[in-house]
C-alpha atoms as a PDB file:
ATOM      1  CA  MET A   1      18.658  49.436-171.416  1.00  0.00           C
ATOM      2  CA  ASN A   2      18.539  51.665-168.416  1.00  0.00           C
ATOM      3  CA  SER A   3      17.140  49.699-165.734  1.00  0.00           C
ATOM      4  CA  THR A   4      14.810  51.841-163.259  1.00  0.00           C
ATOM      5  CA  ASN A   5      15.852  50.245-160.291  1.00  0.00           C
ATOM      6  CA  PRO A   6      19.608  49.737-160.893  1.00  0.00           C
ATOM      7  CA  LYS A   7      21.709  47.413-158.590  1.00  0.00           C
ATOM      8  CA  PRO A   8      23.908  49.348-155.774  1.00  0.00           C
ATOM      9  CA  PRO A   9      27.446  49.357-155.514  1.00  0.00           C
ATOM     10  CA  LEU A  10      29.541  46.383-154.068  1.00  0.00           C
ATOM     11  CA  ASN A  11      30.487  48.929-151.082  1.00  0.00           C
ATOM     12  CA  HIS A  12      26.541  49.344-150.585  1.00  0.00           C
ATOM     13  CA  PRO A  13      25.486  48.499-146.980  1.00  0.00           C
ATOM     14  CA  MET A  14      22.850  46.124-148.976  1.00  0.00           C
ATOM     15  CA  ASN A  15      25.611  43.952-150.402  1.00  0.00           C
ATOM     16  CA  ARG A  16      26.931  43.518-146.519  1.00  0.00           C
ATOM     17  CA  SER A  17      24.679  40.063-146.513  1.00  0.00           C
ATOM     18  CA  GLN A  18      26.762  38.841-149.690  1.00  0.00           C
ATOM     19  CA  GLN A  19      30.347  39.788-148.661  1.00  0.00           C
ATOM     20  CA  ILE A  20      30.372  38.422-145.132  1.00  0.00           C
ATOM     21  CA  SER A  21      33.411  35.297-144.594  1.00  0.00           C
ATOM     22  CA  TRP A  22      32.738  32.284-143.791  1.00  0.00           C
ATOM     23  CA  SER A  23      34.368  32.460-140.438  1.00  0.00           C
ATOM     24  CA  GLU A  24      32.110  34.974-139.572  1.00  0.00           C
ATOM     25  CA  LEU A  25      29.008  32.882-138.717  1.00  0.00           C
ATOM     26  CA  PRO A  26      27.421  32.515-135.446  1.00  0.00           C
ATOM     27  CA  PRO A  27      29.748  30.660-132.853  1.00  0.00           C
ATOM     28  CA  ASP A  28      26.133  28.763-131.715  1.00  0.00           C
ATOM     29  CA  LEU A  29      25.669  27.373-135.306  1.00  0.00           C
ATOM     30  CA  LEU A  30      29.022  25.799-136.188  1.00  0.00           C
ATOM     31  CA  LEU A  31      28.719  22.713-133.861  1.00  0.00           C
ATOM     32  CA  PRO A  32      24.923  21.947-135.515  1.00  0.00           C
ATOM     33  CA  ILE A  33      26.397  22.396-138.962  1.00  0.00           C
ATOM     34  CA  ALA A  34      29.270  19.918-137.979  1.00  0.00           C
ATOM     35  CA  LYS A  35      26.912  17.588-136.712  1.00  0.00           C
ATOM     36  CA  CYS A  36      25.269  17.464-140.176  1.00  0.00           C
ATOM     37  CA  LEU A  37      28.617  16.400-141.776  1.00  0.00           C
ATOM     38  CA  ALA A  38      28.255  12.809-143.311  1.00  0.00           C
ATOM     39  CA  THR A  39      31.970  11.617-143.301  1.00  0.00           C
ATOM     40  CA  GLN A  40      35.251  12.184-141.473  1.00  0.00           C
ATOM     41  CA  PRO A  41      36.808  13.864-144.565  1.00  0.00           C
ATOM     42  CA  ASP A  42      34.235  16.268-144.411  1.00  0.00           C
ATOM     43  CA  ILE A  43      34.936  16.933-140.601  1.00  0.00           C
ATOM     44  CA  PHE A  44      38.771  17.288-141.457  1.00  0.00           C
ATOM     45  CA  SER A  45      37.707  19.653-144.418  1.00  0.00           C
ATOM     46  CA  PHE A  46      34.886  21.912-142.159  1.00  0.00           C
ATOM     47  CA  ARG A  47      38.064  21.881-139.391  1.00  0.00           C
ATOM     48  CA  ARG A  48      40.465  23.596-141.849  1.00  0.00           C
ATOM     49  CA  VAL A  49      38.575  26.674-142.748  1.00  0.00           C
ATOM     50  CA  CYS A  50      39.580  28.593-139.567  1.00  0.00           C
ATOM     51  CA  LYS A  51      40.507  28.220-135.852  1.00  0.00           C
ATOM     52  CA  LEU A  52      37.237  28.974-134.876  1.00  0.00           C
ATOM     53  CA  TRP A  53      35.621  26.424-136.867  1.00  0.00           C
ATOM     54  CA  ARG A  54      38.564  24.215-135.962  1.00  0.00           C
ATOM     55  CA  ALA A  55      37.365  24.533-132.213  1.00  0.00           C
ATOM     56  CA  SER A  56      33.650  24.051-132.931  1.00  0.00           C
ATOM     57  CA  ALA A  57      34.049  21.218-134.335  1.00  0.00           C
ATOM     58  CA  PRO A  58      36.056  18.578-131.913  1.00  0.00           C
ATOM     59  CA  LEU A  59      37.413  15.679-133.177  1.00  0.00           C
ATOM     60  CA  SER A  60      35.297  13.203-130.970  1.00  0.00           C
ATOM     61  CA  LEU A  61      32.816  13.714-133.643  1.00  0.00           C
ATOM     62  CA  LEU A  62      34.407  11.485-135.726  1.00  0.00           C
ATOM     63  CA  ALA A  63      33.978   8.555-133.541  1.00  0.00           C
ATOM     64  CA  SER A  64      30.344   8.384-135.225  1.00  0.00           C
ATOM     65  CA  LYS A  65      30.863   8.979-138.695  1.00  0.00           C
ATOM     66  CA  ASN A  66      32.416   6.697-141.618  1.00  0.00           C
ATOM     67  CA  ILE A  67      35.442   7.291-143.834  1.00  0.00           C
ATOM     68  CA  LEU A  68      34.640   6.534-147.063  1.00  0.00           C
ATOM     69  CA  SER A  69      30.854   6.334-147.093  1.00  0.00           C
ATOM     70  CA  PRO A  70      28.093   8.144-145.290  1.00  0.00           C
ATOM     71  CA  LEU A  71      25.733   5.113-145.689  1.00  0.00           C
ATOM     72  CA  PHE A  72      28.410   1.959-146.084  1.00  0.00           C
ATOM     73  CA  PRO A  73      29.135  -0.762-144.512  1.00  0.00           C
ATOM     74  CA  HIS A  74      25.885  -1.758-144.138  1.00  0.00           C
ATOM     75  CA  ARG A  75      24.651  -5.223-143.052  1.00  0.00           C
ATOM     76  CA  PHE A  76      21.581  -6.954-143.911  1.00  0.00           C
ATOM     77  CA  THR A  77      19.747 -10.101-143.959  1.00  0.00           C
ATOM     78  CA  ILE A  78      18.216 -12.236-146.218  1.00  0.00           C
ATOM     79  CA  LYS A  79      16.178 -15.563-146.401  1.00  0.00           C
ATOM     80  CA  PRO A  80      18.606 -18.151-148.220  1.00  0.00           C
ATOM     81  CA  ASP A  81      16.901 -20.345-150.987  1.00  0.00           C
ATOM     82  CA  THR A  82      19.280 -23.436-149.675  1.00  0.00           C
ATOM     83  CA  VAL A  83      20.078 -24.786-146.487  1.00  0.00           C
ATOM     84  CA  TYR A  84      23.987 -23.576-146.721  1.00  0.00           C
ATOM     85  CA  ALA A  85      23.365 -20.523-148.652  1.00  0.00           C
ATOM     86  CA  PRO A  86      24.758 -17.523-146.551  1.00  0.00           C
ATOM     87  CA  LYS A  87      21.961 -15.196-145.051  1.00  0.00           C
ATOM     88  CA  HIS A  88      23.956 -12.476-143.081  1.00  0.00           C
ATOM     89  CA  TYR A  89      25.844  -9.717-145.747  1.00  0.00           C
ATOM     90  CA  ILE A  90      27.901  -6.677-145.131  1.00  0.00           C
ATOM     91  CA  VAL A  91      28.289  -3.902-148.100  1.00  0.00           C
ATOM     92  CA  CYS A  92      31.063  -1.959-147.855  1.00  0.00           C
ATOM     93  CA  MET A  93      32.666   0.750-149.877  1.00  0.00           C
ATOM     94  CA  ASN A  94      36.346   0.470-151.575  1.00  0.00           C
ATOM     95  CA  CYS A  95      38.662   3.135-153.044  1.00  0.00           C
ATOM     96  CA  VAL A  96      41.854   3.049-155.243  1.00  0.00           C
ATOM     97  CA  ILE A  97      44.303   5.171-153.717  1.00  0.00           C
ATOM     98  CA  LEU A  98      47.360   6.474-155.563  1.00  0.00           C
ATOM     99  CA  LEU A  99      50.170   7.693-153.337  1.00  0.00           C
ATOM    100  CA  ARG A 100      52.967   9.765-154.666  1.00  0.00           C
ATOM    101  CA  SER A 101      56.002  11.328-152.507  1.00  0.00           C
ATOM    102  CA  ASN A 102      55.774  14.857-151.338  1.00  0.00           C
ATOM    103  CA  VAL A 103      59.477  14.622-150.305  1.00  0.00           C
ATOM    104  CA  ASN A 104      61.283  13.119-153.431  1.00  0.00           C
ATOM    105  CA  PRO A 105      59.010  13.210-156.283  1.00  0.00           C
ATOM    106  CA  LYS A 106      61.027  10.918-158.113  1.00  0.00           C
ATOM    107  CA  LEU A 107      60.209   8.007-156.445  1.00  0.00           C
ATOM    108  CA  PRO A 108      57.591   5.832-158.225  1.00  0.00           C
ATOM    109  CA  PRO A 109      53.697   6.116-156.911  1.00  0.00           C
ATOM    110  CA  PHE A 110      52.073   3.527-154.957  1.00  0.00           C
ATOM    111  CA  MET A 111      48.911   2.255-155.241  1.00  0.00           C
ATOM    112  CA  MET A 112      46.455   0.464-152.900  1.00  0.00           C
ATOM    113  CA  ILE A 113      42.937  -0.824-152.212  1.00  0.00           C
ATOM    114  CA  VAL A 114      41.537   0.464-149.035  1.00  0.00           C
ATOM    115  CA  ASP A 115      38.366  -1.104-147.697  1.00  0.00           C
ATOM    116  CA  GLU A 116      36.032   0.212-144.584  1.00  0.00           C
ATOM    117  CA  TYR A 117      34.183  -3.117-143.273  1.00  0.00           C
ATOM    118  CA  ARG A 118      33.965  -1.208-139.854  1.00  0.00           C
ATOM    119  CA  SER A 119      33.154   2.042-139.641  1.00  0.00           C
ATOM    120  CA  GLY A 120      35.999   4.174-138.619  1.00  0.00           C
ATOM    121  CA  LYS A 121      38.677   1.608-139.693  1.00  0.00           C
ATOM    122  CA  LEU A 122      40.317   1.047-143.194  1.00  0.00           C
ATOM    123  CA  TYR A 123      41.948  -2.007-144.267  1.00  0.00           C
ATOM    124  CA  VAL A 124      44.800  -1.737-146.930  1.00  0.00           C
ATOM    125  CA  ARG A 125      45.128  -4.387-149.783  1.00  0.00           C
ATOM    126  CA  ARG A 126      47.319  -4.487-152.984  1.00  0.00           C
ATOM    127  CA  PRO A 127      45.092  -3.294-155.922  1.00  0.00           C
ATOM    128  CA  PHE A 128      42.800  -6.261-157.688  1.00  0.00           C
ATOM    129  CA  CYS A 129      44.348  -8.694-155.044  1.00  0.00           C
ATOM    130  CA  ALA A 130      42.871  -9.910-152.113  1.00  0.00           C
ATOM    131  CA  ARG A 131      46.424  -9.816-150.147  1.00  0.00           C
ATOM    132  CA  VAL A 132      48.054  -7.343-147.961  1.00  0.00           C
ATOM    133  CA  PRO A 133      50.647  -5.196-149.217  1.00  0.00           C
ATOM    134  CA  LYS A 134      54.308  -5.980-147.685  1.00  0.00           C
ATOM    135  CA  CYS A 135      57.814  -4.310-147.979  1.00  0.00           C
ATOM    136  CA  TYR A 136      60.162  -6.809-148.879  1.00  0.00           C
ATOM    137  CA  PRO A 137      63.866  -6.307-148.347  1.00  0.00           C
ATOM    138  CA  SER A 138      66.432  -5.437-151.287  1.00  0.00           C
ATOM    139  CA  PHE A 139      67.818  -8.485-153.451  1.00  0.00           C
ATOM    140  CA  GLY A 140      70.935  -7.555-154.346  1.00  0.00           C
ATOM    141  CA  ASN A 141      70.762  -4.808-157.414  1.00  0.00           C
ATOM    142  CA  VAL A 142      67.259  -5.252-157.378  1.00  0.00           C
ATOM    143  CA  ASN A 143      64.775  -3.352-155.339  1.00  0.00           C
ATOM    144  CA  LEU A 144      61.791  -5.327-154.287  1.00  0.00           C
ATOM    145  CA  ILE A 145      59.731  -2.817-152.458  1.00  0.00           C
ATOM    146  CA  ASP A 146      56.661  -2.211-153.702  1.00  0.00           C
ATOM    147  CA  PHE A 147      54.764  -0.384-150.765  1.00  0.00           C
ATOM    148  CA  PRO A 148      56.596   2.286-148.220  1.00  0.00           C
ATOM    149  CA  PRO A 149      57.848   0.770-144.942  1.00  0.00           C
ATOM    150  CA  SER A 150      55.809   3.417-142.772  1.00  0.00           C
ATOM    151  CA  LEU A 151      52.604   4.998-144.329  1.00  0.00           C
ATOM    152  CA  ASP A 152      52.927   8.563-142.812  1.00  0.00           C
ATOM    153  CA  LEU A 153      50.205  10.573-145.251  1.00  0.00           C
ATOM    154  CA  SER A 154      51.853  13.703-144.158  1.00  0.00           C
ATOM    155  CA  ARG A 155      54.853  12.699-146.712  1.00  0.00           C
ATOM    156  CA  PHE A 156      52.401  11.818-149.845  1.00  0.00           C
ATOM    157  CA  ARG A 157      50.145  13.448-151.982  1.00  0.00           C
ATOM    158  CA  VAL A 158      47.210  11.282-151.835  1.00  0.00           C
ATOM    159  CA  SER A 159      44.583  10.884-154.987  1.00  0.00           C
ATOM    160  CA  LYS A 160      41.337   8.804-154.950  1.00  0.00           C
ATOM    161  CA  LEU A 161      41.451   6.929-158.488  1.00  0.00           C
ATOM    162  CA  ALA A 162      38.193   4.932-157.905  1.00  0.00           C
ATOM    163  CA  ARG A 163      35.192   3.807-155.504  1.00  0.00           C
ATOM    164  CA  PHE A 164      33.292   0.910-155.746  1.00  0.00           C
ATOM    165  CA  PRO A 165      31.168  -1.118-153.070  1.00  0.00           C
ATOM    166  CA  THR A 166      32.119  -4.893-152.326  1.00  0.00           C
ATOM    167  CA  LEU A 167      29.763  -7.600-150.844  1.00  0.00           C
ATOM    168  CA  SER A 168      31.101 -10.130-148.409  1.00  0.00           C
ATOM    169  CA  TYR A 169      29.286 -12.929-146.476  1.00  0.00           C
ATOM    170  CA  LEU A 170      28.766 -12.909-142.429  1.00  0.00           C
ATOM    171  CA  SER A 171      28.701 -15.887-140.190  1.00  0.00           C
ATOM    172  CA  ASP A 172      25.841 -17.389-137.993  1.00  0.00           C
ATOM    173  CA  GLY A 173      27.689 -16.354-134.409  1.00  0.00           C
ATOM    174  CA  PRO A 174      26.239 -14.578-131.686  1.00  0.00           C
ATOM    175  CA  ASP A 175      26.783 -11.649-132.934  1.00  0.00           C
ATOM    176  CA  GLY A 176      26.910 -12.095-136.706  1.00  0.00           C
ATOM    177  CA  SER A 177      30.010 -10.360-136.860  1.00  0.00           C
ATOM    178  CA  ARG A 178      32.807 -12.614-138.252  1.00  0.00           C
ATOM    179  CA  ILE A 179      33.405 -12.200-142.011  1.00  0.00           C
ATOM    180  CA  ILE A 180      33.250 -15.877-143.547  1.00  0.00           C
ATOM    181  CA  GLN A 181      36.558 -17.365-144.490  1.00  0.00           C
ATOM    182  CA  PHE A 182      37.619 -19.755-147.287  1.00  0.00           C
ATOM    183  CA  LYS A 183      40.609 -22.224-146.714  1.00  0.00           C
ATOM    184  CA  LEU A 184      42.398 -21.211-149.587  1.00  0.00           C
ATOM    185  CA  TYR A 185      42.921 -17.639-148.062  1.00  0.00           C
ATOM    186  CA  ARG A 186      44.383 -16.141-145.001  1.00  0.00           C
ATOM    187  CA  GLN A 187      42.507 -15.529-142.088  1.00  0.00           C
ATOM    188  CA  LYS A 188      41.922 -11.655-142.695  1.00  0.00           C
ATOM    189  CA  PRO A 189      38.629  -9.612-143.326  1.00  0.00           C
ATOM    190  CA  TYR A 190      40.281  -8.792-146.403  1.00  0.00           C
ATOM    191  CA  ASP A 191      41.120 -12.165-148.196  1.00  0.00           C
ATOM    192  CA  TYR A 192      37.942 -13.865-149.276  1.00  0.00           C
ATOM    193  CA  PRO A 193      36.728 -13.892-152.756  1.00  0.00           C
ATOM    194  CA  LYS A 194      34.042 -11.124-153.570  1.00  0.00           C
ATOM    195  CA  PRO A 195      31.121 -11.281-155.349  1.00  0.00           C
ATOM    196  CA  LYS A 196      30.577  -8.625-158.619  1.00  0.00           C
ATOM    197  CA  VAL A 197      28.511  -5.987-157.427  1.00  0.00           C
ATOM    198  CA  VAL A 198      26.893  -2.678-158.586  1.00  0.00           C
ATOM    199  CA  LEU A 199      24.733  -0.351-156.567  1.00  0.00           C
ATOM    200  CA  PHE A 200      21.908   1.552-158.018  1.00  0.00           C
ATOM    201  CA  VAL A 201      20.178   4.588-156.515  1.00  0.00           C
ATOM    202  CA  ASP A 202      16.290   4.693-157.465  1.00  0.00           C
ATOM    203  CA  PRO A 203      16.314   7.739-160.094  1.00  0.00           C
ATOM    204  CA  ASN A 204      13.101   8.829-158.696  1.00  0.00           C
ATOM    205  CA  CYS A 205      14.561  10.393-155.295  1.00  0.00           C
ATOM    206  CA  GLU A 206      14.449  14.067-154.910  1.00  0.00           C
ATOM    207  CA  ASN A 207      16.200  14.385-151.754  1.00  0.00           C
ATOM    208  CA  ARG A 208      19.382  12.945-150.383  1.00  0.00           C
ATOM    209  CA  ALA A 209      19.726   9.271-151.088  1.00  0.00           C
ATOM    210  CA  THR A 210      19.458   7.072-148.046  1.00  0.00           C
ATOM    211  CA  ILE A 211      20.490   3.114-147.779  1.00  0.00           C
ATOM    212  CA  ASN A 212      16.243   2.336-148.624  1.00  0.00           C
ATOM    213  CA  ASP A 213      16.676   4.372-151.884  1.00  0.00           C
ATOM    214  CA  HIS A 214      19.678   1.985-153.188  1.00  0.00           C
ATOM    215  CA  THR A 215      19.787  -1.825-155.226  1.00  0.00           C
ATOM    216  CA  LEU A 216      22.287  -4.172-154.984  1.00  0.00           C
ATOM    217  CA  VAL A 217      22.728  -6.200-158.172  1.00  0.00           C
ATOM    218  CA  GLU A 218      25.269  -9.205-157.559  1.00  0.00           C
ATOM    219  CA  VAL A 219      26.559 -11.733-160.434  1.00  0.00           C
ATOM    220  CA  SER A 220      27.078 -15.060-158.897  1.00  0.00           C
ATOM    221  CA  GLN A 221      29.399 -17.452-159.609  1.00  0.00           C
ATOM    222  CA  SER A 222      27.210 -19.571-161.611  1.00  0.00           C
ATOM    223  CA  GLY A 223      26.100 -16.327-163.820  1.00  0.00           C
ATOM    224  CA  ASP A 224      22.422 -15.579-162.140  1.00  0.00           C
ATOM    225  CA  LEU A 225      21.969 -12.055-161.197  1.00  0.00           C
ATOM    226  CA  ILE A 226      20.778 -11.571-157.808  1.00  0.00           C
ATOM    227  CA  VAL A 227      18.925  -8.184-156.913  1.00  0.00           C
ATOM    228  CA  THR A 228      18.524  -7.274-153.301  1.00  0.00           C
ATOM    229  CA  ARG A 229      16.282  -3.926-152.790  1.00  0.00           C
ATOM    230  CA  PHE A 230      17.412  -2.019-149.277  1.00  0.00           C
ATOM    231  CA  ASN A 231      13.725  -0.935-148.610  1.00  0.00           C
ATOM    232  CA  GLY A 232      12.295  -3.953-147.076  1.00  0.00           C
ATOM    233  CA  GLU A 233      15.673  -6.330-147.753  1.00  0.00           C
ATOM    234  CA  SER A 234      13.694  -7.790-150.760  1.00  0.00           C
ATOM    235  CA  HIS A 235      16.081 -10.841-152.437  1.00  0.00           C
ATOM    236  CA  ASN A 236      15.024 -11.968-155.946  1.00  0.00           C
ATOM    237  CA  ASN A 237      17.437 -14.167-158.392  1.00  0.00           C
ATOM    238  CA  PHE A 238      16.990 -14.065-161.717  1.00  0.00           C
ATOM    239  CA  THR A 239      18.670 -17.002-163.776  1.00  0.00           C
ATOM    240  CA  TYR A 240      19.057 -16.928-167.533  1.00  0.00           C
ATOM    241  CA  THR A 241      21.589 -18.343-170.243  1.00  0.00           C
ATOM    242  CA  PRO A 242      22.867 -15.962-172.265  1.00  0.00           C
ATOM    243  CA  ARG A 243      25.298 -16.311-175.638  1.00  0.00           C
ATOM    244  CA  LYS A 244      27.884 -14.398-174.251  1.00  0.00           C
ATOM    245  CA  ARG A 245      28.517 -12.314-171.362  1.00  0.00           C
ATOM    246  CA  GLU A 246      30.457  -9.472-171.324  1.00  0.00           C
ATOM    247  CA  GLU A 247      33.305  -8.785-168.484  1.00  0.00           C
ATOM    248  CA  SER A 248      31.759  -5.601-167.147  1.00  0.00           C
ATOM    249  CA  LEU A 249      32.005  -5.199-163.341  1.00  0.00           C
END
């Protein structure tokens, strides 16, 4: 079929706007764009494009950005059901990370979990465990090292295997920032039992989801479902007695 308005050739001036390199963006637009980026990895990816972009996105922008999620960690307060129930909570994002050596590919990979309890800071622990990774000395002919002695990420290929949220309880102190500890665990921010939770986003959300578009569902130790909606911090407890509950979280 012959077109009455054929497309111009690729070298035609009309196609100039489609061929402009990203590095040719006006410098006065680069900093506003960088400030809109959501996380620290986004800023690093922005800086890797070219020297001009790197100069337009100073590292000082990282101070106000989270690492794992633009919305979490998130703190909230609810009215407790009982006198002893906690009322201050924090939802954090966690990632399961796999590290492979770039220097010696024959070395076995290492797996770990990183938690972001405070914005811009990561806590490292073993996967499926509340303990921190340790580097054990060699014992005879058995190599007991289960984690690199120094975590220089430039020497490893980093792969993100999974990402999931966790819920923690906060103390009622002056700043409400101390995570409640249990006697059976060390006094570390990553050493405490974590309830099983799932985050849901409002399906009617048309734009980028905010914290108010999220709902948190928690499975308590007694088996109840606790639903917290962040748009108003509503908190509902659903008690039921199922015949059998499948482990799905």
